[in-house]
Protein backbone atom coordinates (compact mmCIF):
# COMPACT_ATOMS: atom_id res chain seq x y z
CA MET A 1 1.79 27.83 -10.66
CA ALA A 2 -0.08 27.50 -8.18
CA ASP A 3 -3.63 27.90 -9.64
CA THR A 4 -1.69 25.36 -11.93
CA ASP A 5 -1.08 23.06 -9.05
CA ALA A 6 -4.60 23.80 -7.91
CA VAL A 7 -6.87 22.74 -10.73
CA LEU A 8 -4.55 19.42 -10.59
CA THR A 9 -5.06 18.62 -7.47
CA GLU A 10 -8.88 18.66 -7.85
CA GLN A 11 -9.00 17.23 -11.23
CA ILE A 12 -6.95 14.42 -9.35
CA ARG A 13 -9.33 14.51 -6.48
CA ALA A 14 -12.06 13.97 -8.85
CA ARG A 15 -10.71 10.94 -10.92
CA LEU A 16 -9.46 9.12 -7.76
CA ALA A 17 -13.37 9.78 -6.75
CA GLY A 18 -14.85 8.25 -9.40
CA TYR A 19 -12.53 5.44 -9.92
CA GLU A 20 -13.27 4.94 -5.96
CA ARG A 21 -16.92 5.28 -6.51
CA ARG A 22 -16.97 2.69 -8.95
CA PHE A 23 -15.15 0.58 -7.65
CA SER A 24 -17.23 0.40 -5.17
CA THR A 25 -19.35 -1.20 -6.91
CA LEU A 26 -17.52 -3.51 -8.64
CA PHE A 27 -15.86 -5.03 -5.92
CA GLU A 28 -19.31 -5.42 -3.77
CA LYS A 29 -21.26 -7.24 -6.87
CA TYR A 30 -18.29 -9.15 -7.14
CA PHE A 31 -18.67 -10.52 -3.16
CA GLN A 32 -22.32 -11.04 -4.29
CA ASP A 33 -20.79 -13.81 -7.20
CA LEU A 34 -18.74 -15.17 -5.45
CA SER A 35 -20.81 -16.10 -2.48
CA ALA A 36 -23.51 -17.21 -4.86
CA GLY A 37 -21.46 -19.96 -6.72
CA PHE A 38 -17.68 -20.77 -4.42
CA ASP A 39 -17.32 -23.92 -4.59
CA ALA A 40 -16.97 -25.85 -0.72
CA PRO A 41 -19.06 -28.37 0.34
CA SER A 42 -22.63 -27.85 1.85
CA CYS A 43 -21.19 -28.67 5.84
CA SER A 44 -18.88 -25.89 5.73
CA ARG A 45 -20.08 -23.23 8.45
CA PHE A 46 -16.33 -21.56 8.25
CA THR A 47 -16.05 -21.55 4.46
CA PRO A 48 -18.81 -18.10 4.30
CA ASP A 49 -17.34 -16.79 6.96
CA CYS A 50 -13.98 -16.79 6.43
CA LEU A 51 -15.60 -15.06 2.55
CA ALA A 52 -17.66 -12.94 4.62
CA LEU A 53 -14.91 -11.83 6.56
CA LEU A 54 -13.09 -11.19 3.49
CA ARG A 55 -15.89 -9.65 2.25
CA ASP A 56 -16.01 -6.80 5.52
CA LEU A 57 -12.37 -5.86 5.34
CA SER A 58 -12.27 -4.99 1.19
CA LEU A 59 -14.97 -3.43 1.32
CA ARG A 60 -13.80 -1.46 4.11
CA GLY A 61 -11.26 0.55 1.34
CA GLY A 62 -9.62 3.54 0.85
CA LYS A 63 -9.40 5.54 -2.03
CA ARG A 64 -8.19 3.35 -3.77
CA MET A 65 -5.47 3.99 -5.01
CA ARG A 66 -4.16 1.58 -6.90
CA VAL A 67 -6.69 1.32 -9.15
CA ALA A 68 -6.67 4.76 -10.22
CA LEU A 69 -3.09 3.99 -11.41
CA LEU A 70 -4.43 1.02 -12.80
CA PHE A 71 -7.30 2.47 -14.97
CA GLU A 72 -4.22 5.70 -15.62
CA ALA A 73 -2.11 3.64 -16.89
CA ALA A 74 -4.27 2.26 -19.32
CA ARG A 75 -5.15 5.94 -20.21
CA LEU A 76 -1.79 6.27 -21.17
CA VAL A 77 -2.52 4.44 -24.39
CA THR A 78 -6.92 5.14 -25.20
CA ALA A 79 -8.88 6.75 -23.66
CA GLU A 80 -11.36 4.60 -25.04
CA PRO A 81 -12.53 1.20 -22.45
CA VAL A 82 -10.40 -1.67 -22.16
CA LYS A 83 -10.94 -4.99 -21.98
CA GLY A 84 -9.61 -6.99 -18.79
CA LEU A 85 -9.23 -3.56 -16.23
CA ASP A 86 -12.08 -4.56 -13.40
CA ASP A 87 -10.61 -7.91 -13.68
CA ALA A 88 -7.51 -6.21 -12.95
CA ALA A 89 -9.38 -4.07 -10.33
CA LEU A 90 -9.86 -6.73 -8.77
CA SER A 91 -6.98 -8.79 -8.93
CA ILE A 92 -5.57 -5.74 -7.30
CA GLU A 93 -7.56 -5.15 -4.11
CA LEU A 94 -7.40 -9.18 -3.15
CA LEU A 95 -4.02 -8.86 -3.06
CA GLN A 96 -3.81 -6.30 -0.61
CA THR A 97 -6.42 -7.66 1.07
CA HIS A 98 -3.71 -10.62 1.76
CA GLY A 99 -1.40 -8.51 2.32
CA LEU A 100 -3.31 -6.77 5.42
CA VAL A 101 -4.65 -9.56 6.70
CA HIS A 102 -1.24 -11.08 7.08
CA ASP A 103 0.29 -7.89 7.98
CA ASP A 104 -2.01 -7.90 11.21
CA ILE A 105 -1.44 -11.35 12.07
CA ILE A 106 2.54 -10.03 12.40
CA ASP A 107 1.66 -7.04 13.54
CA GLY A 108 -0.90 -8.83 16.10
CA SER A 109 -3.02 -5.72 15.12
CA ALA A 110 -6.69 -5.70 16.39
CA THR A 111 -7.30 -2.98 13.99
CA ARG A 112 -7.94 -2.37 11.00
CA ARG A 113 -9.98 0.84 8.52
CA GLY A 114 -12.02 1.50 11.02
CA GLY A 115 -13.11 -2.09 12.07
CA PRO A 116 -11.25 -5.20 13.42
CA SER A 117 -8.75 -7.31 11.74
CA THR A 118 -9.50 -10.10 10.42
CA TYR A 119 -7.28 -12.37 12.17
CA TYR A 120 -9.27 -10.56 15.36
CA ALA A 121 -12.02 -10.74 14.62
CA TYR A 122 -11.50 -14.56 14.17
CA ARG A 123 -9.67 -14.64 18.11
CA GLY A 124 -12.96 -12.57 18.48
CA GLN A 125 -15.53 -16.01 17.79
CA PHE A 126 -13.00 -18.55 19.20
CA PRO A 127 -11.25 -16.79 22.35
CA GLY A 128 -10.31 -20.39 23.53
CA ARG A 129 -8.48 -21.21 20.85
CA PRO A 130 -5.71 -19.33 20.01
CA GLN A 131 -3.76 -21.79 17.11
CA THR A 132 -7.72 -21.80 15.51
CA ALA A 133 -7.88 -18.07 15.68
CA LEU A 134 -4.62 -17.96 14.07
CA GLY A 135 -4.86 -20.50 11.24
CA LEU A 136 -8.22 -19.76 10.34
CA ALA A 137 -6.42 -16.11 9.59
CA LEU A 138 -3.56 -17.32 7.48
CA LEU A 139 -6.11 -19.33 5.60
CA ALA A 140 -8.25 -16.15 4.65
CA GLY A 141 -5.70 -13.99 3.95
CA ASP A 142 -3.61 -16.75 1.53
CA LEU A 143 -7.58 -17.49 -0.32
CA ALA A 144 -6.89 -13.61 -1.11
CA LEU A 145 -4.20 -14.05 -2.27
CA ALA A 146 -5.33 -17.51 -4.64
CA LEU A 147 -8.27 -15.00 -5.90
CA SER A 148 -6.46 -12.37 -6.55
CA LEU A 149 -4.89 -14.55 -9.20
CA ARG A 150 -8.48 -16.76 -9.95
CA VAL A 151 -10.02 -13.40 -11.16
CA LEU A 152 -7.20 -12.96 -13.97
CA LEU A 153 -7.50 -16.61 -14.96
CA ASP A 154 -11.27 -16.58 -15.19
CA SER A 155 -10.87 -12.84 -16.54
CA GLN A 156 -12.86 -12.28 -20.90
CA ALA A 157 -9.04 -10.88 -22.02
CA PRO A 158 -7.15 -12.40 -24.24
CA LEU A 159 -5.35 -15.45 -23.37
CA PRO A 160 -1.89 -13.66 -23.86
CA VAL A 161 -2.43 -10.48 -21.59
CA ARG A 162 -4.44 -12.76 -19.01
CA GLN A 163 -1.27 -15.31 -19.09
CA ALA A 164 1.33 -11.67 -18.64
CA MET A 165 -1.23 -10.83 -16.21
CA VAL A 166 -0.87 -13.35 -13.74
CA GLU A 167 2.78 -13.49 -14.23
CA VAL A 168 3.18 -9.57 -13.20
CA GLN A 169 0.48 -10.49 -9.92
CA THR A 170 2.68 -13.96 -9.04
CA ARG A 171 6.01 -11.34 -9.07
CA ALA A 172 4.48 -8.27 -6.84
CA ALA A 173 2.85 -10.63 -4.78
CA SER A 174 6.23 -12.54 -4.20
CA ALA A 175 8.64 -9.07 -3.94
CA THR A 176 5.81 -7.80 -0.87
CA PHE A 177 6.71 -11.73 0.97
CA VAL A 178 10.58 -10.82 0.72
CA GLY A 179 9.47 -7.01 1.30
CA GLN A 180 7.71 -7.93 4.95
CA ILE A 181 10.57 -10.08 5.68
CA ILE A 182 13.32 -7.47 5.72
CA ASP A 183 10.80 -5.73 7.37
CA LEU A 184 10.86 -7.52 10.24
CA GLU A 185 15.17 -8.15 9.55
CA ARG A 186 15.12 -3.50 9.09
CA ASP A 187 14.20 -3.87 12.51
CA PHE A 188 16.91 -6.30 13.89
CA THR A 189 19.34 -4.27 12.72
CA VAL A 190 20.63 -1.84 14.45
CA ASP A 191 21.21 0.83 12.50
CA PRO A 192 20.03 0.21 9.14
CA ASP A 193 21.40 2.68 6.58
CA GLU A 194 19.22 4.37 4.18
CA ASP A 195 19.66 1.95 1.25
CA MET A 196 17.82 -0.92 3.31
CA LEU A 197 15.28 1.50 4.05
CA HIS A 198 14.90 2.07 -0.01
CA ASP A 199 14.90 -1.42 -0.61
CA VAL A 200 11.78 -2.32 2.34
CA ALA A 201 9.70 0.68 0.45
CA ASP A 202 10.49 -0.97 -3.03
CA TYR A 203 9.78 -4.56 -2.27
CA LYS A 204 7.23 -3.90 0.40
CA THR A 205 4.51 -1.99 -1.26
CA ALA A 206 5.87 0.20 -4.50
CA ARG A 207 6.02 -3.43 -6.17
CA TYR A 208 2.90 -4.24 -5.78
CA SER A 209 0.89 -0.80 -4.99
CA VAL A 210 2.39 1.53 -8.03
CA LEU A 211 4.82 -0.98 -10.52
CA ALA A 212 2.19 -4.26 -10.91
CA PRO A 213 -1.18 -2.06 -11.52
CA ILE A 214 0.82 0.37 -13.71
CA GLN A 215 2.31 -2.85 -16.02
CA LEU A 216 -2.16 -4.39 -15.52
CA GLY A 217 -2.95 -1.22 -17.28
CA LEU A 218 -0.47 -1.07 -19.99
CA LEU A 219 -0.84 -4.83 -20.63
CA ALA A 220 -4.31 -4.22 -21.00
CA ALA A 221 -4.50 -2.03 -23.39
CA GLY A 222 -1.89 -3.46 -25.51
CA VAL A 223 1.02 -2.43 -24.81
CA GLN A 224 4.48 -4.77 -24.41
CA THR A 225 5.49 -3.94 -20.66
CA ALA A 226 9.06 -5.52 -21.14
CA LEU A 227 10.23 -2.23 -23.77
CA HIS A 228 9.71 0.38 -20.71
CA ASP A 229 10.58 -1.86 -17.96
CA GLU A 230 13.54 0.06 -16.75
CA GLU A 231 11.67 3.21 -16.37
CA LEU A 232 8.69 1.91 -15.28
CA ARG A 233 10.65 -0.03 -12.16
CA ARG A 234 12.55 4.31 -11.61
CA TYR A 235 9.22 5.62 -11.48
CA ALA A 236 7.28 2.85 -9.06
CA ARG A 237 10.32 2.91 -6.51
CA LEU A 238 10.55 6.57 -6.15
CA VAL A 239 7.18 6.70 -5.51
CA GLY A 240 7.41 3.96 -3.16
CA ILE A 241 10.71 5.60 -1.16
CA CYS A 242 8.58 8.74 -1.25
CA GLY A 243 5.21 7.48 -0.03
CA GLN A 244 6.87 5.42 2.76
CA MET A 245 8.81 8.55 3.82
CA ARG A 246 5.35 9.89 4.17
CA ASP A 247 3.55 7.42 6.03
CA ASP A 248 6.55 7.07 8.90
CA TYR A 249 6.35 10.72 8.53
CA LEU A 250 3.22 10.67 10.08
CA ASP A 251 3.34 8.72 12.27
CA LEU A 252 5.99 10.33 14.79
CA PHE A 253 4.49 14.06 13.73
CA GLY A 254 0.91 13.36 11.96
CA ASP A 255 -2.07 14.85 13.68
CA ALA A 256 -3.66 11.60 15.07
CA GLY A 257 -7.20 13.60 15.20
CA THR A 258 -6.63 13.71 11.27
CA MET A 259 -5.80 10.76 10.39
CA GLY A 260 -8.52 8.69 12.73
CA LYS A 261 -5.15 6.72 15.31
CA PRO A 262 -2.81 7.66 17.91
CA THR A 263 1.20 8.56 16.77
CA GLY A 264 4.12 6.93 17.69
CA ALA A 265 2.72 3.09 16.95
CA ASP A 266 6.30 2.96 14.87
CA ILE A 267 7.96 3.34 17.59
CA ARG A 268 5.64 1.37 20.31
CA GLU A 269 6.44 -1.77 18.03
CA GLY A 270 10.01 -1.26 17.60
CA ARG A 271 10.15 -0.19 13.51
CA ARG A 272 13.40 1.25 13.04
CA ASN A 273 11.68 3.42 9.81
CA TYR A 274 12.87 6.21 7.81
CA ALA A 275 11.74 8.97 10.61
CA VAL A 276 12.87 6.76 13.63
CA ARG A 277 16.46 6.27 11.79
CA ALA A 278 16.36 10.34 11.19
CA VAL A 279 15.91 11.01 14.68
CA LEU A 280 18.60 8.44 15.98
CA VAL A 281 21.26 9.80 13.63
CA ALA A 282 20.49 13.67 14.68
CA ALA A 283 20.41 13.09 18.28
CA THR A 284 23.03 13.56 20.78
CA GLY A 285 24.00 10.31 23.05
CA SER A 286 21.69 10.86 26.60
CA GLU A 287 18.62 11.31 23.70
CA ARG A 288 19.88 8.76 21.97
CA ALA A 289 19.77 6.98 24.80
CA LEU A 290 15.75 7.51 25.42
CA VAL A 291 14.68 6.51 21.58
CA GLU A 292 16.19 3.47 22.33
CA SER A 293 14.48 2.14 25.18
CA ALA A 294 11.52 3.32 23.88
CA LEU A 295 11.73 1.40 20.94
CA GLY A 296 9.39 -1.84 20.98
CA GLY A 297 8.20 -1.17 24.34
CA GLY A 298 4.56 -1.71 25.05
CA ALA A 299 4.49 0.47 27.81
CA CYS A 300 5.55 3.32 25.93
CA THR A 301 3.68 6.09 27.08
CA GLU A 302 2.45 8.83 25.21
CA GLU A 303 5.19 11.39 27.56
CA THR A 304 7.58 9.28 25.98
CA ILE A 305 6.64 9.70 22.41
CA ALA A 306 6.43 13.57 22.64
CA ALA A 307 9.55 13.93 24.10
CA ILE A 308 11.04 11.53 21.34
CA ARG A 309 9.45 14.43 18.73
CA ASP A 310 10.71 17.09 20.92
CA ILE A 311 14.29 15.41 20.19
CA ALA A 312 13.37 15.84 16.05
CA ARG A 313 12.09 19.18 16.11
CA ARG A 314 14.68 20.47 18.58
CA HIS A 315 17.15 19.44 15.31
CA GLY A 316 14.90 19.71 12.69
CA VAL A 317 14.42 16.52 11.21
CA PRO A 318 10.61 16.74 10.46
CA GLU A 319 11.88 19.54 8.23
CA ARG A 320 14.30 17.95 6.49
CA MET A 321 11.93 14.31 6.22
CA ARG A 322 9.44 17.19 4.33
CA ALA A 323 12.47 18.06 2.50
CA ASP A 324 13.41 14.56 1.73
CA MET A 325 9.77 14.01 0.67
CA ARG A 326 10.02 17.21 -1.98
CA ARG A 327 13.40 15.39 -3.39
CA TRP A 328 11.96 12.11 -3.91
CA ALA A 329 8.61 13.63 -5.06
CA HIS A 330 10.34 15.77 -8.08
CA ALA A 331 12.68 13.12 -8.96
CA ALA A 332 9.14 10.89 -9.58
CA ALA A 333 7.54 13.46 -10.76
CA THR A 334 10.26 14.50 -13.49
CA GLU A 335 10.53 9.80 -14.68
CA ALA A 336 6.93 10.00 -15.75
CA ALA A 337 7.59 13.43 -17.62
CA GLY A 338 9.72 11.68 -20.19
CA TRP A 339 6.64 9.74 -20.61
CA ARG A 340 5.85 12.56 -22.90
CA PRO A 341 7.03 12.43 -26.47
CA ARG A 342 5.21 8.53 -26.96
CA TRP A 343 2.07 8.25 -24.38
CA ARG A 344 -1.24 10.54 -23.59
CA GLU A 345 -0.22 14.27 -22.21
CA GLU A 346 -3.73 13.71 -19.94
CA ALA A 347 -2.75 10.55 -18.19
CA VAL A 348 1.14 11.54 -18.24
CA ALA A 349 -0.46 14.64 -16.10
CA PHE A 350 -1.47 12.88 -13.79
CA PHE A 351 1.48 10.14 -13.05
CA GLU A 352 3.87 12.97 -12.96
CA TYR A 353 1.77 15.61 -10.60
CA LEU A 354 0.64 12.34 -8.39
CA PRO A 355 3.46 11.85 -6.44
CA ARG A 356 3.32 15.84 -5.59
CA TRP A 357 0.29 16.08 -4.37
CA SER A 358 0.38 13.16 -2.51
CA VAL A 359 3.26 13.90 -0.35
CA GLU A 360 1.24 16.84 0.70
CA ARG A 361 -2.06 14.92 1.75
CA ALA A 362 -2.68 15.69 5.35
CA ARG A 363 -3.19 11.92 6.20
């Protein structure tokens, strides 16, 4: 089993790297063509700057997991080239850019993907005009959303496929907005239960990062996704939950050097996520008071984060979280394994193993 896992891990890494390389070239060309032919008055200096900031943020992407899910979903049906996949990939990542721009406004984040957030880039350009900076950042995010739909409308895919893809992306965007709302609402809830955390993970992340790419890939390959809606939603929700658990776990227990960012950010920002909830549930009265006092505290020190980490470790929280992540990943893998009777083995294996591999990654 260990040898099989090692082989699958290498296969997944190789396929992810291939998608990342190919898409980086595609995305670069997209922005070149967009800038050259974008419909804006020649007198505007702000519009080209907005496009340049969107390009900069978009091209700083990571593993392009959504793109991989899209192409592997098409491979569930066929190994042949599928018309419209490149356009769908651009749409997915432009929607992601939109989300990142708006997330950084909501969170007040100065950096993103190793560079300045779009919001802070505008703040640097307009130091004495905070409302102008905020407005331009909001509009940049809105433009990325519009572009994500426009690239599908302009696709060479057959008209019924284009229409279905636009519907998928519109629903995904709507779900993400609801997810962001309940994400903020969660932090005003003294004791959010697991169901609320699961819903945040589903709406805010899983529906646009997992479900939509799979649906788009299958649509491009000629599959009527409505026939498989329930099982695809189950898989996406399970992957979203275990992925969010992993992110929350790493924020508290991960290695800052490996991740390239400090740990404890969610506690400082008052986020009652999976890790914070697990610590609060396990803590004694005085320990819980310490954690509550640190939540949302901008002055929360590294020593306080270390103390909360020690509390968690004394109560076995890291071990329980790792077990929970593996349980959710196993449930997702089992769901994908059920696709074998009708879809191609090679791609099914990808979806089956991906959740387990994802939760074991160090960053």
